[in-house]
Amino acid sequence: MLEEIQAHPLTADINVDMEEGYESMEEMVSDAKENGCDALVNCTGLGSSKLCSDETLISGRGILLHYERDCPRTMIDDNMKHDAAILTEDGPWGTSTNPVYIIPRGGVVVVGGTYYEGKTEANLTDDERKRLVENASIMGIDTTAASPVAEWAGFRPVRKSVRMEIDEEVSAKSGVKVLNSYGHGGSGWTVYTGVAKESVKMLGLD
């Protein structure tokens, strides 16, 4: 996905590599102005806790296993396509803190997961890995013939309500229109297209 963005004619000159992080919103805005930008979208996730002094923002730990997109499946017939995102938080399979889901992403399908607020474990435990394999089986992957190709543990930016608004004070002071967009939790991948379109509207670029 990143390679596609960087290859697009409208975004080919965008540099997404950062040697150092920002320490403040003022620093971000100053950098934007130096680069000739009149608008800035702040989607720094958990970083917004510091940049925006947002004490309501917390982390929600999530875990995933990645399987090849064309891995062997069970319960598949000619009428069922593989390109389906499925999630359940209901028993007997899942709960609100241990949901069961599968999401197609490029050349892989990801199987999850967890939603643990405040947990800081950076790697999957053996028990978690075992449970995700069980989830993969529930979601139709033939786990007797397919093995995970990667695993992931991360910390999603969680907020009671998503922050999606223009920072009028910073915008007026700096002359750069600043849009804060963070707190989407584990839904970032599923809502990013809609969020991007709404950002364009809010910035008056549509």
Protein backbone atom coordinates (compact mmCIF):
# COMPACT_ATOMS: atom_id res chain seq x y z
CA MET A 1 0.00 0.00 0.00
CA LEU A 2 2.76 2.49 0.92
CA GLU A 3 4.58 1.76 -2.33
CA GLU A 4 1.38 2.47 -4.29
CA ILE A 5 0.90 5.80 -2.51
CA GLN A 6 4.49 6.88 -3.12
CA ALA A 7 4.29 5.90 -6.80
CA HIS A 8 1.12 7.93 -7.45
CA PRO A 9 1.83 11.14 -9.42
CA LEU A 10 0.11 13.31 -6.79
CA THR A 11 2.05 11.83 -3.88
CA ALA A 12 5.37 10.81 -5.42
CA ASP A 13 7.23 13.66 -3.70
CA ILE A 14 5.85 12.95 -0.23
CA ASN A 15 8.44 11.80 2.29
CA VAL A 16 6.94 9.59 4.98
CA ASP A 17 10.27 8.75 6.64
CA MET A 18 10.95 10.62 9.88
CA GLU A 19 14.29 10.73 11.64
CA GLU A 20 12.80 12.31 14.75
CA GLY A 21 9.30 12.59 16.14
CA TYR A 22 7.46 15.82 16.90
CA GLU A 23 7.43 17.12 20.45
CA SER A 24 4.48 19.50 20.09
CA MET A 25 1.65 20.56 17.82
CA GLU A 26 3.43 23.88 17.33
CA GLU A 27 6.45 22.03 15.94
CA MET A 28 4.24 20.10 13.52
CA VAL A 29 2.52 23.27 12.32
CA SER A 30 5.84 25.08 11.93
CA ASP A 31 7.17 22.22 9.82
CA ALA A 32 4.02 22.28 7.69
CA LYS A 33 4.41 26.02 7.07
CA GLU A 34 8.07 25.63 6.12
CA ASN A 35 7.02 23.07 3.52
CA GLY A 36 4.39 25.38 2.05
CA CYS A 37 1.36 23.56 3.44
CA ASP A 38 -1.83 25.42 4.34
CA ALA A 39 -3.51 22.38 5.92
CA LEU A 40 -2.39 19.67 8.32
CA VAL A 41 -4.13 16.43 9.29
CA ASN A 42 -3.04 15.16 12.68
CA CYS A 43 -3.55 11.40 12.68
CA THR A 44 -0.70 10.53 15.04
CA GLY A 45 -2.76 8.03 17.03
CA LEU A 46 -1.46 7.56 20.56
CA GLY A 47 1.03 10.35 19.91
CA SER A 48 -1.87 12.78 20.12
CA SER A 49 -2.02 12.11 23.85
CA LYS A 50 1.12 14.23 24.12
CA LEU A 51 0.78 16.50 21.09
CA CYS A 52 -2.78 17.52 21.96
CA SER A 53 -2.57 17.01 25.74
CA ASP A 54 -5.47 14.59 25.36
CA GLU A 55 -5.74 12.63 28.60
CA THR A 56 -8.82 10.76 27.34
CA LEU A 57 -6.73 8.84 24.78
CA ILE A 58 -5.64 5.36 25.90
CA SER A 59 -4.17 2.26 24.26
CA GLY A 60 -6.09 -0.85 23.35
CA ARG A 61 -3.81 -3.84 22.76
CA GLY A 62 -4.60 -5.94 19.73
CA ILE A 63 -3.03 -9.10 18.29
CA LEU A 64 -3.10 -10.70 14.84
CA LEU A 65 -1.88 -13.66 12.86
CA HIS A 66 -1.30 -13.24 9.12
CA TYR A 67 -2.10 -16.02 6.65
CA GLU A 68 -1.48 -16.06 2.90
CA ARG A 69 -4.53 -14.76 1.03
CA ASP A 70 -4.77 -17.96 -1.02
CA CYS A 71 -4.18 -20.36 1.89
CA PRO A 72 -6.27 -23.56 1.99
CA ARG A 73 -9.81 -22.96 3.23
CA THR A 74 -12.61 -25.04 4.66
CA MET A 75 -16.33 -24.39 4.33
CA ILE A 76 -15.80 -22.65 0.97
CA ASP A 77 -17.99 -23.29 -2.07
CA ASP A 78 -18.19 -21.70 -5.52
CA ASN A 79 -20.69 -19.10 -4.31
CA MET A 80 -18.53 -17.78 -1.47
CA LYS A 81 -15.69 -15.34 -2.17
CA HIS A 82 -12.67 -15.04 0.08
CA ASP A 83 -12.90 -11.24 0.19
CA ALA A 84 -15.06 -10.97 3.29
CA ALA A 85 -14.42 -9.36 6.65
CA ILE A 86 -16.14 -11.26 9.44
CA LEU A 87 -16.22 -10.41 13.15
CA THR A 88 -18.03 -11.83 16.14
CA GLU A 89 -17.95 -10.82 19.79
CA ASP A 90 -20.66 -13.30 20.74
CA GLY A 91 -20.34 -16.63 22.49
CA PRO A 92 -19.39 -19.34 22.20
CA TRP A 93 -16.58 -17.97 20.00
CA GLY A 94 -15.76 -14.42 21.05
CA THR A 95 -16.23 -11.75 23.68
CA SER A 96 -15.87 -7.96 23.71
CA THR A 97 -12.26 -8.28 24.91
CA ASN A 98 -11.45 -11.37 22.83
CA PRO A 99 -13.23 -10.91 19.50
CA VAL A 100 -12.89 -13.40 16.66
CA TYR A 101 -12.39 -11.92 13.20
CA ILE A 102 -10.81 -12.24 9.78
CA ILE A 103 -10.01 -9.33 7.45
CA PRO A 104 -8.50 -9.49 3.92
CA ARG A 105 -5.52 -7.13 3.49
CA GLY A 106 -3.57 -7.19 0.27
CA GLY A 107 -1.82 -10.53 -0.08
CA VAL A 108 -2.81 -11.78 3.37
CA VAL A 109 -5.81 -12.30 5.60
CA VAL A 110 -5.42 -11.26 9.22
CA VAL A 111 -6.98 -13.16 12.09
CA GLY A 112 -7.62 -11.57 15.48
CA GLY A 113 -7.74 -10.73 18.17
CA THR A 114 -7.93 -8.90 21.49
CA TYR A 115 -9.09 -5.59 22.86
CA TYR A 116 -7.24 -5.02 26.14
CA GLU A 117 -7.17 -1.49 27.48
CA GLY A 118 -3.94 -0.62 29.26
CA LYS A 119 -2.06 -3.87 28.54
CA THR A 120 1.53 -3.33 27.40
CA GLU A 121 2.77 -6.80 26.37
CA ALA A 122 4.65 -6.23 23.10
CA ASN A 123 4.61 -9.83 21.85
CA LEU A 124 2.09 -12.63 21.54
CA THR A 125 2.07 -15.17 24.34
CA ASP A 126 1.93 -18.89 23.58
CA ASP A 127 -1.68 -19.03 24.80
CA GLU A 128 -2.64 -16.08 22.60
CA ARG A 129 -0.99 -17.63 19.56
CA LYS A 130 -2.83 -20.89 20.17
CA ARG A 131 -6.16 -19.07 20.50
CA LEU A 132 -5.61 -17.15 17.26
CA VAL A 133 -4.96 -20.40 15.41
CA GLU A 134 -8.28 -21.64 16.82
CA ASN A 135 -9.89 -18.41 15.61
CA ALA A 136 -8.42 -18.97 12.15
CA SER A 137 -10.05 -22.39 12.07
CA ILE A 138 -13.39 -20.90 13.13
CA MET A 139 -13.08 -18.34 10.32
CA GLY A 140 -12.62 -21.04 7.68
CA ILE A 141 -8.85 -21.37 7.33
CA ASP A 142 -7.64 -24.96 7.08
CA THR A 143 -5.11 -24.76 9.91
CA THR A 144 -4.03 -28.36 9.28
CA ALA A 145 -2.66 -27.27 5.90
CA ALA A 146 -1.83 -23.59 6.45
CA SER A 147 0.53 -21.90 8.90
CA PRO A 148 0.76 -18.20 9.82
CA VAL A 149 3.31 -16.21 7.82
CA ALA A 150 3.54 -13.37 10.35
CA GLU A 151 2.20 -12.19 13.69
CA TRP A 152 1.55 -8.75 15.13
CA ALA A 153 0.85 -7.09 18.46
CA GLY A 154 0.07 -3.40 18.63
CA PHE A 155 -1.58 -0.65 20.61
CA ARG A 156 -4.59 1.08 19.09
CA PRO A 157 -5.52 4.67 19.92
CA VAL A 158 -8.78 4.37 21.86
CA ARG A 159 -11.09 7.21 22.84
CA LYS A 160 -14.68 7.25 24.09
CA SER A 161 -15.52 9.16 20.92
CA VAL A 162 -13.35 9.62 17.84
CA ARG A 163 -11.84 13.09 17.58
CA MET A 164 -12.51 14.37 14.09
CA GLU A 165 -12.57 18.17 14.13
CA ILE A 166 -10.81 21.33 13.05
CA ASP A 167 -8.67 22.85 15.81
CA GLU A 168 -9.99 26.39 15.46
CA GLU A 169 -7.59 27.91 17.99
CA VAL A 170 -4.40 26.46 16.49
CA SER A 171 -5.65 27.11 12.96
CA ALA A 172 -6.40 30.78 13.63
CA LYS A 173 -3.11 31.33 15.43
CA SER A 174 -0.88 29.61 12.88
CA GLY A 175 -2.60 30.24 9.57
CA VAL A 176 -2.49 26.48 8.90
CA LYS A 177 -5.83 24.67 8.97
CA VAL A 178 -5.33 21.81 11.46
CA LEU A 179 -7.66 18.82 11.43
CA ASN A 180 -7.36 16.36 14.33
CA SER A 181 -8.32 12.81 13.39
CA TYR A 182 -7.54 10.11 15.94
CA GLY A 183 -9.03 7.71 18.46
CA HIS A 184 -10.43 5.21 15.94
CA GLY A 185 -9.27 2.26 18.03
CA GLY A 186 -9.14 -1.03 16.15
CA SER A 187 -11.34 0.28 13.34
CA GLY A 188 -8.64 2.24 11.51
CA TRP A 189 -8.32 -0.18 8.59
CA THR A 190 -12.07 -0.53 8.13
CA VAL A 191 -12.96 3.18 8.28
CA TYR A 192 -9.89 4.87 6.77
CA THR A 193 -11.48 5.48 3.36
CA GLY A 194 -14.49 7.22 4.90
CA VAL A 195 -12.27 9.18 7.27
CA ALA A 196 -10.10 10.36 4.37
CA LYS A 197 -13.14 11.48 2.40
CA GLU A 198 -14.58 13.31 5.41
CA SER A 199 -11.21 14.98 6.03
CA VAL A 200 -11.21 16.30 2.47
CA LYS A 201 -14.70 17.74 3.02
CA MET A 202 -13.83 19.31 6.37
CA LEU A 203 -10.75 20.95 4.88
CA GLY A 204 -12.80 22.32 1.99
CA LEU A 205 -10.85 20.41 -0.62
CA ASP A 206 -13.72 18.49 -2.23
